[in-house]
PDB file of N, CA and C in Angstrom:
ATOM      1  N   MET A   1     -18.108 -15.483  20.744  1.00  0.00           N
ATOM      2  CA  MET A   1     -17.928 -14.535  19.644  1.00  0.00           C
ATOM      3  C   MET A   1     -17.637 -15.318  18.369  1.00  0.00           C
ATOM      4  N   PRO A   2     -18.344 -14.997  17.284  1.00  0.00           N
ATOM      5  CA  PRO A   2     -18.117 -15.718  16.027  1.00  0.00           C
ATOM      6  C   PRO A   2     -16.742 -15.396  15.453  1.00  0.00           C
ATOM      7  N   ASN A   3     -16.254 -16.305  14.619  1.00  0.00           N
ATOM      8  CA  ASN A   3     -14.971 -16.031  13.979  1.00  0.00           C
ATOM      9  C   ASN A   3     -15.163 -14.964  12.903  1.00  0.00           C
ATOM     10  N   ALA A   4     -14.074 -14.553  12.293  1.00  0.00           N
ATOM     11  CA  ALA A   4     -14.116 -13.445  11.326  1.00  0.00           C
ATOM     12  C   ALA A   4     -15.022 -13.761  10.135  1.00  0.00           C
ATOM     13  N   ASP A   5     -14.953 -14.994   9.628  1.00  0.00           N
ATOM     14  CA  ASP A   5     -15.787 -15.357   8.474  1.00  0.00           C
ATOM     15  C   ASP A   5     -17.269 -15.313   8.811  1.00  0.00           C
ATOM     16  N   GLN A   6     -17.616 -15.827   9.986  1.00  0.00           N
ATOM     17  CA  GLN A   6     -19.016 -15.812  10.406  1.00  0.00           C
ATOM     18  C   GLN A   6     -19.505 -14.387  10.639  1.00  0.00           C
ATOM     19  N   ALA A   7     -18.685 -13.585  11.272  1.00  0.00           N
ATOM     20  CA  ALA A   7     -19.057 -12.196  11.544  1.00  0.00           C
ATOM     21  C   ALA A   7     -19.225 -11.425  10.239  1.00  0.00           C
ATOM     22  N   ARG A   8     -18.335 -11.673   9.288  1.00  0.00           N
ATOM     23  CA  ARG A   8     -18.393 -10.995   7.985  1.00  0.00           C
ATOM     24  C   ARG A   8     -19.673 -11.376   7.235  1.00  0.00           C
ATOM     25  N   GLU A   9     -19.956 -12.679   7.175  1.00  0.00           N
ATOM     26  CA  GLU A   9     -21.155 -13.140   6.465  1.00  0.00           C
ATOM     27  C   GLU A   9     -22.427 -12.631   7.131  1.00  0.00           C
ATOM     28  N   ASN A  10     -22.443 -12.582   8.448  1.00  0.00           N
ATOM     29  CA  ASN A  10     -23.608 -12.053   9.151  1.00  0.00           C
ATOM     30  C   ASN A  10     -23.814 -10.579   8.832  1.00  0.00           C
ATOM     31  N   ALA A  11     -22.736  -9.807   8.834  1.00  0.00           N
ATOM     32  CA  ALA A  11     -22.846  -8.379   8.523  1.00  0.00           C
ATOM     33  C   ALA A  11     -23.353  -8.178   7.095  1.00  0.00           C
ATOM     34  N   ILE A  12     -22.852  -8.956   6.161  1.00  0.00           N
ATOM     35  CA  ILE A  12     -23.307  -8.857   4.775  1.00  0.00           C
ATOM     36  C   ILE A  12     -24.789  -9.215   4.686  1.00  0.00           C
ATOM     37  N   ARG A  13     -25.182 -10.291   5.363  1.00  0.00           N
ATOM     38  CA  ARG A  13     -26.581 -10.730   5.334  1.00  0.00           C
ATOM     39  C   ARG A  13     -27.507  -9.644   5.882  1.00  0.00           C
ATOM     40  N   VAL A  14     -27.103  -9.017   6.982  1.00  0.00           N
ATOM     41  CA  VAL A  14     -27.932  -7.972   7.598  1.00  0.00           C
ATOM     42  C   VAL A  14     -28.008  -6.746   6.698  1.00  0.00           C
ATOM     43  N   LEU A  15     -26.903  -6.366   6.079  1.00  0.00           N
ATOM     44  CA  LEU A  15     -26.931  -5.214   5.171  1.00  0.00           C
ATOM     45  C   LEU A  15     -27.847  -5.472   3.977  1.00  0.00           C
ATOM     46  N   ILE A  16     -27.798  -6.675   3.430  1.00  0.00           N
ATOM     47  CA  ILE A  16     -28.671  -7.010   2.295  1.00  0.00           C
ATOM     48  C   ILE A  16     -30.138  -6.993   2.733  1.00  0.00           C
ATOM     49  N   ALA A  17     -30.427  -7.558   3.889  1.00  0.00           N
ATOM     50  CA  ALA A  17     -31.801  -7.554   4.399  1.00  0.00           C
ATOM     51  C   ALA A  17     -32.303  -6.126   4.588  1.00  0.00           C
ATOM     52  N   SER A  18     -31.427  -5.249   5.043  1.00  0.00           N
ATOM     53  CA  SER A  18     -31.788  -3.846   5.222  1.00  0.00           C
ATOM     54  C   SER A  18     -32.117  -3.195   3.875  1.00  0.00           C
ATOM     55  N   GLN A  19     -31.299  -3.458   2.873  1.00  0.00           N
ATOM     56  CA  GLN A  19     -31.538  -2.883   1.547  1.00  0.00           C
ATOM     57  C   GLN A  19     -32.844  -3.414   0.953  1.00  0.00           C
ATOM     58  N   LYS A  20     -33.109  -4.705   1.137  1.00  0.00           N
ATOM     59  CA  LYS A  20     -34.353  -5.292   0.615  1.00  0.00           C
ATOM     60  C   LYS A  20     -35.570  -4.683   1.312  1.00  0.00           C
ATOM     61  N   ALA A  21     -35.484  -4.506   2.628  1.00  0.00           N
ATOM     62  CA  ALA A  21     -36.600  -3.926   3.374  1.00  0.00           C
ATOM     63  C   ALA A  21     -36.852  -2.485   2.924  1.00  0.00           C
ATOM     64  N   ASP A  22     -35.780  -1.727   2.732  1.00  0.00           N
ATOM     65  CA  ASP A  22     -35.930  -0.347   2.255  1.00  0.00           C
ATOM     66  C   ASP A  22     -36.594  -0.319   0.885  1.00  0.00           C
ATOM     67  N   ARG A  23     -36.155  -1.184   0.003  1.00  0.00           N
ATOM     68  CA  ARG A  23     -36.696  -1.216  -1.357  1.00  0.00           C
ATOM     69  C   ARG A  23     -38.166  -1.608  -1.365  1.00  0.00           C
ATOM     70  N   ALA A  24     -38.539  -2.535  -0.493  1.00  0.00           N
ATOM     71  CA  ALA A  24     -39.917  -3.007  -0.444  1.00  0.00           C
ATOM     72  C   ALA A  24     -40.838  -2.032   0.281  1.00  0.00           C
ATOM     73  N   GLY A  25     -40.263  -1.032   0.940  1.00  0.00           N
ATOM     74  CA  GLY A  25     -41.074  -0.065   1.666  1.00  0.00           C
ATOM     75  C   GLY A  25     -41.601  -0.624   2.971  1.00  0.00           C
ATOM     76  N   ARG A  26     -41.006  -1.727   3.419  1.00  0.00           N
ATOM     77  CA  ARG A  26     -41.428  -2.332   4.677  1.00  0.00           C
ATOM     78  C   ARG A  26     -40.817  -1.568   5.836  1.00  0.00           C
ATOM     79  N   ALA A  27     -41.413  -1.755   6.976  1.00  0.00           N
ATOM     80  CA  ALA A  27     -40.834  -1.179   8.192  1.00  0.00           C
ATOM     81  C   ALA A  27     -39.485  -1.843   8.419  1.00  0.00           C
ATOM     82  N   ALA A  28     -38.448  -1.107   8.208  1.00  0.00           N
ATOM     83  CA  ALA A  28     -37.109  -1.664   8.271  1.00  0.00           C
ATOM     84  C   ALA A  28     -36.452  -1.476   9.631  1.00  0.00           C
ATOM     85  N   ASP A  29     -37.161  -0.883  10.576  1.00  0.00           N
ATOM     86  CA  ASP A  29     -36.560  -0.612  11.885  1.00  0.00           C
ATOM     87  C   ASP A  29     -35.946  -1.846  12.544  1.00  0.00           C
ATOM     88  N   PRO A  30     -36.657  -2.984  12.570  1.00  0.00           N
ATOM     89  CA  PRO A  30     -36.042  -4.157  13.210  1.00  0.00           C
ATOM     90  C   PRO A  30     -34.739  -4.575  12.513  1.00  0.00           C
ATOM     91  N   VAL A  31     -34.712  -4.475  11.215  1.00  0.00           N
ATOM     92  CA  VAL A  31     -33.513  -4.843  10.459  1.00  0.00           C
ATOM     93  C   VAL A  31     -32.420  -3.813  10.686  1.00  0.00           C
ATOM     94  N   HIS A  32     -32.770  -2.541  10.640  1.00  0.00           N
ATOM     95  CA  HIS A  32     -31.781  -1.478  10.825  1.00  0.00           C
ATOM     96  C   HIS A  32     -31.111  -1.559  12.197  1.00  0.00           C
ATOM     97  N   ARG A  33     -31.863  -2.003  13.194  1.00  0.00           N
ATOM     98  CA  ARG A  33     -31.278  -2.122  14.532  1.00  0.00           C
ATOM     99  C   ARG A  33     -30.234  -3.229  14.599  1.00  0.00           C
ATOM    100  N   GLN A  34     -30.215  -4.123  13.632  1.00  0.00           N
ATOM    101  CA  GLN A  34     -29.241  -5.209  13.608  1.00  0.00           C
ATOM    102  C   GLN A  34     -27.967  -4.828  12.868  1.00  0.00           C
ATOM    103  N   VAL A  35     -28.013  -3.775  12.061  1.00  0.00           N
ATOM    104  CA  VAL A  35     -26.882  -3.413  11.210  1.00  0.00           C
ATOM    105  C   VAL A  35     -25.661  -3.006  12.029  1.00  0.00           C
ATOM    106  N   VAL A  36     -25.819  -2.058  12.927  1.00  0.00           N
ATOM    107  CA  VAL A  36     -24.668  -1.545  13.679  1.00  0.00           C
ATOM    108  C   VAL A  36     -24.020  -2.633  14.537  1.00  0.00           C
ATOM    109  N   PRO A  37     -24.804  -3.416  15.297  1.00  0.00           N
ATOM    110  CA  PRO A  37     -24.155  -4.481  16.076  1.00  0.00           C
ATOM    111  C   PRO A  37     -23.428  -5.499  15.190  1.00  0.00           C
ATOM    112  N   ALA A  38     -24.012  -5.834  14.045  1.00  0.00           N
ATOM    113  CA  ALA A  38     -23.362  -6.800  13.147  1.00  0.00           C
ATOM    114  C   ALA A  38     -22.056  -6.234  12.609  1.00  0.00           C
ATOM    115  N   LEU A  39     -22.058  -4.956  12.241  1.00  0.00           N
ATOM    116  CA  LEU A  39     -20.832  -4.333  11.744  1.00  0.00           C
ATOM    117  C   LEU A  39     -19.802  -4.184  12.858  1.00  0.00           C
ATOM    118  N   ASP A  40     -20.243  -3.855  14.053  1.00  0.00           N
ATOM    119  CA  ASP A  40     -19.322  -3.757  15.188  1.00  0.00           C
ATOM    120  C   ASP A  40     -18.672  -5.105  15.483  1.00  0.00           C
ATOM    121  N   GLN A  41     -19.461  -6.159  15.409  1.00  0.00           N
ATOM    122  CA  GLN A  41     -18.940  -7.496  15.659  1.00  0.00           C
ATOM    123  C   GLN A  41     -17.920  -7.890  14.588  1.00  0.00           C
ATOM    124  N   ALA A  42     -18.219  -7.560  13.334  1.00  0.00           N
ATOM    125  CA  ALA A  42     -17.289  -7.867  12.242  1.00  0.00           C
ATOM    126  C   ALA A  42     -15.988  -7.077  12.410  1.00  0.00           C
ATOM    127  N   LYS A  43     -16.116  -5.817  12.788  1.00  0.00           N
ATOM    128  CA  LYS A  43     -14.922  -4.988  12.985  1.00  0.00           C
ATOM    129  C   LYS A  43     -14.075  -5.537  14.134  1.00  0.00           C
ATOM    130  N   ALA A  44     -14.726  -5.942  15.214  1.00  0.00           N
ATOM    131  CA  ALA A  44     -14.009  -6.518  16.357  1.00  0.00           C
ATOM    132  C   ALA A  44     -13.306  -7.814  15.975  1.00  0.00           C
ATOM    133  N   ALA A  45     -13.858  -8.532  14.993  1.00  0.00           N
ATOM    134  CA  ALA A  45     -13.253  -9.788  14.539  1.00  0.00           C
ATOM    135  C   ALA A  45     -12.127  -9.536  13.537  1.00  0.00           C
ATOM    136  N   GLY A  46     -11.897  -8.263  13.207  1.00  0.00           N
ATOM    137  CA  GLY A  46     -10.796  -7.916  12.312  1.00  0.00           C
ATOM    138  C   GLY A  46     -11.160  -7.800  10.851  1.00  0.00           C
ATOM    139  N   CYS A  47     -12.449  -7.707  10.557  1.00  0.00           N
ATOM    140  CA  CYS A  47     -12.901  -7.613   9.169  1.00  0.00           C
ATOM    141  C   CYS A  47     -12.790  -6.180   8.650  1.00  0.00           C
ATOM    142  N   ASN A  48     -12.630  -6.057   7.352  1.00  0.00           N
ATOM    143  CA  ASN A  48     -12.562  -4.768   6.677  1.00  0.00           C
ATOM    144  C   ASN A  48     -13.984  -4.330   6.343  1.00  0.00           C
ATOM    145  N   LEU A  49     -14.444  -3.249   6.951  1.00  0.00           N
ATOM    146  CA  LEU A  49     -15.825  -2.801   6.747  1.00  0.00           C
ATOM    147  C   LEU A  49     -16.089  -2.348   5.322  1.00  0.00           C
ATOM    148  N   ARG A  50     -15.083  -1.788   4.686  1.00  0.00           N
ATOM    149  CA  ARG A  50     -15.248  -1.348   3.304  1.00  0.00           C
ATOM    150  C   ARG A  50     -15.551  -2.530   2.391  1.00  0.00           C
ATOM    151  N   SER A  51     -14.835  -3.627   2.588  1.00  0.00           N
ATOM    152  CA  SER A  51     -15.068  -4.800   1.742  1.00  0.00           C
ATOM    153  C   SER A  51     -16.408  -5.451   2.072  1.00  0.00           C
ATOM    154  N   ILE A  52     -16.838  -5.360   3.323  1.00  0.00           N
ATOM    155  CA  ILE A  52     -18.156  -5.892   3.691  1.00  0.00           C
ATOM    156  C   ILE A  52     -19.254  -5.126   2.964  1.00  0.00           C
ATOM    157  N   HIS A  53     -19.166  -3.803   2.987  1.00  0.00           N
ATOM    158  CA  HIS A  53     -20.163  -2.986   2.282  1.00  0.00           C
ATOM    159  C   HIS A  53     -20.120  -3.239   0.776  1.00  0.00           C
ATOM    160  N   ALA A  54     -18.937  -3.359   0.219  1.00  0.00           N
ATOM    161  CA  ALA A  54     -18.806  -3.613  -1.220  1.00  0.00           C
ATOM    162  C   ALA A  54     -19.413  -4.963  -1.589  1.00  0.00           C
ATOM    163  N   ASP A  55     -19.129  -5.999  -0.807  1.00  0.00           N
ATOM    164  CA  ASP A  55     -19.695  -7.316  -1.093  1.00  0.00           C
ATOM    165  C   ASP A  55     -21.211  -7.325  -0.921  1.00  0.00           C
ATOM    166  N   ALA A  56     -21.703  -6.638   0.089  1.00  0.00           N
ATOM    167  CA  ALA A  56     -23.153  -6.559   0.290  1.00  0.00           C
ATOM    168  C   ALA A  56     -23.812  -5.851  -0.896  1.00  0.00           C
ATOM    169  N   ASP A  57     -23.208  -4.774  -1.374  1.00  0.00           N
ATOM    170  CA  ASP A  57     -23.754  -4.059  -2.532  1.00  0.00           C
ATOM    171  C   ASP A  57     -23.754  -4.947  -3.770  1.00  0.00           C
ATOM    172  N   ARG A  58     -22.658  -5.693  -3.973  1.00  0.00           N
ATOM    173  CA  ARG A  58     -22.589  -6.596  -5.135  1.00  0.00           C
ATOM    174  C   ARG A  58     -23.658  -7.679  -5.064  1.00  0.00           C
ATOM    175  N   ARG A  59     -23.784  -8.288  -3.907  1.00  0.00           N
ATOM    176  CA  ARG A  59     -24.772  -9.368  -3.756  1.00  0.00           C
ATOM    177  C   ARG A  59     -26.195  -8.839  -3.890  1.00  0.00           C
ATOM    178  N   TYR A  60     -26.444  -7.663  -3.351  1.00  0.00           N
ATOM    179  CA  TYR A  60     -27.776  -7.070  -3.476  1.00  0.00           C
ATOM    180  C   TYR A  60     -28.046  -6.715  -4.935  1.00  0.00           C
ATOM    181  N   GLY A  61     -27.054  -6.182  -5.618  1.00  0.00           N
ATOM    182  CA  GLY A  61     -27.205  -5.882  -7.043  1.00  0.00           C
ATOM    183  C   GLY A  61     -27.505  -7.129  -7.846  1.00  0.00           C
ATOM    184  N   GLN A  62     -26.823  -8.221  -7.535  1.00  0.00           N
ATOM    185  CA  GLN A  62     -27.091  -9.479  -8.232  1.00  0.00           C
ATOM    186  C   GLN A  62     -28.496  -9.981  -7.919  1.00  0.00           C
ATOM    187  N   TRP A  63     -28.929  -9.807  -6.679  1.00  0.00           N
ATOM    188  CA  TRP A  63     -30.289 -10.201  -6.307  1.00  0.00           C
ATOM    189  C   TRP A  63     -31.309  -9.393  -7.116  1.00  0.00           C
ATOM    190  N   LEU A  64     -31.044  -8.090  -7.282  1.00  0.00           N
ATOM    191  CA  LEU A  64     -31.944  -7.263  -8.083  1.00  0.00           C
ATOM    192  C   LEU A  64     -32.018  -7.765  -9.517  1.00  0.00           C
ATOM    193  N   ILE A  65     -30.876  -8.093 -10.098  1.00  0.00           N
ATOM    194  CA  ILE A  65     -30.835  -8.613 -11.466  1.00  0.00           C
ATOM    195  C   ILE A  65     -31.590  -9.930 -11.559  1.00  0.00           C
ATOM    196  N   ASP A  66     -31.324 -10.829 -10.621  1.00  0.00           N
ATOM    197  CA  ASP A  66     -31.961 -12.152 -10.641  1.00  0.00           C
ATOM    198  C   ASP A  66     -33.461 -12.079 -10.447  1.00  0.00           C
ATOM    199  N   ASN A  67     -33.933 -11.045  -9.764  1.00  0.00           N
ATOM    200  CA  ASN A  67     -35.368 -10.939  -9.449  1.00  0.00           C
ATOM    201  C   ASN A  67     -36.065  -9.835 -10.218  1.00  0.00           C
ATOM    202  N   ALA A  68     -35.466  -9.341 -11.268  1.00  0.00           N
ATOM    203  CA  ALA A  68     -36.076  -8.288 -12.082  1.00  0.00           C
ATOM    204  C   ALA A  68     -37.371  -8.808 -12.707  1.00  0.00           C
ATOM    205  N   GLY A  69     -38.386  -7.990 -12.644  1.00  0.00           N
ATOM    206  CA  GLY A  69     -39.662  -8.336 -13.273  1.00  0.00           C
ATOM    207  C   GLY A  69     -40.564  -9.207 -12.415  1.00  0.00           C
ATOM    208  N   ARG A  70     -40.157  -9.495 -11.203  1.00  0.00           N
ATOM    209  CA  ARG A  70     -41.013 -10.321 -10.342  1.00  0.00           C
ATOM    210  C   ARG A  70     -41.842  -9.463  -9.448  1.00  0.00           C
TER     211      ARG A  70
END
């Protein structure tokens, strides 16, 4: 089982990948199937799910800004 930091970063990474897939209109099913297990693992490691979602939203927002017009 990964430590709390690894579980948190994995959950954030999966949430961002899910948002990118949704935005691109790609079949997001494979990514969506990873979201719940990643969040469950982070929760089991003692992570705050609210802060995970907030950080994922911030990072995705920054990605949108950085990639605007591409």
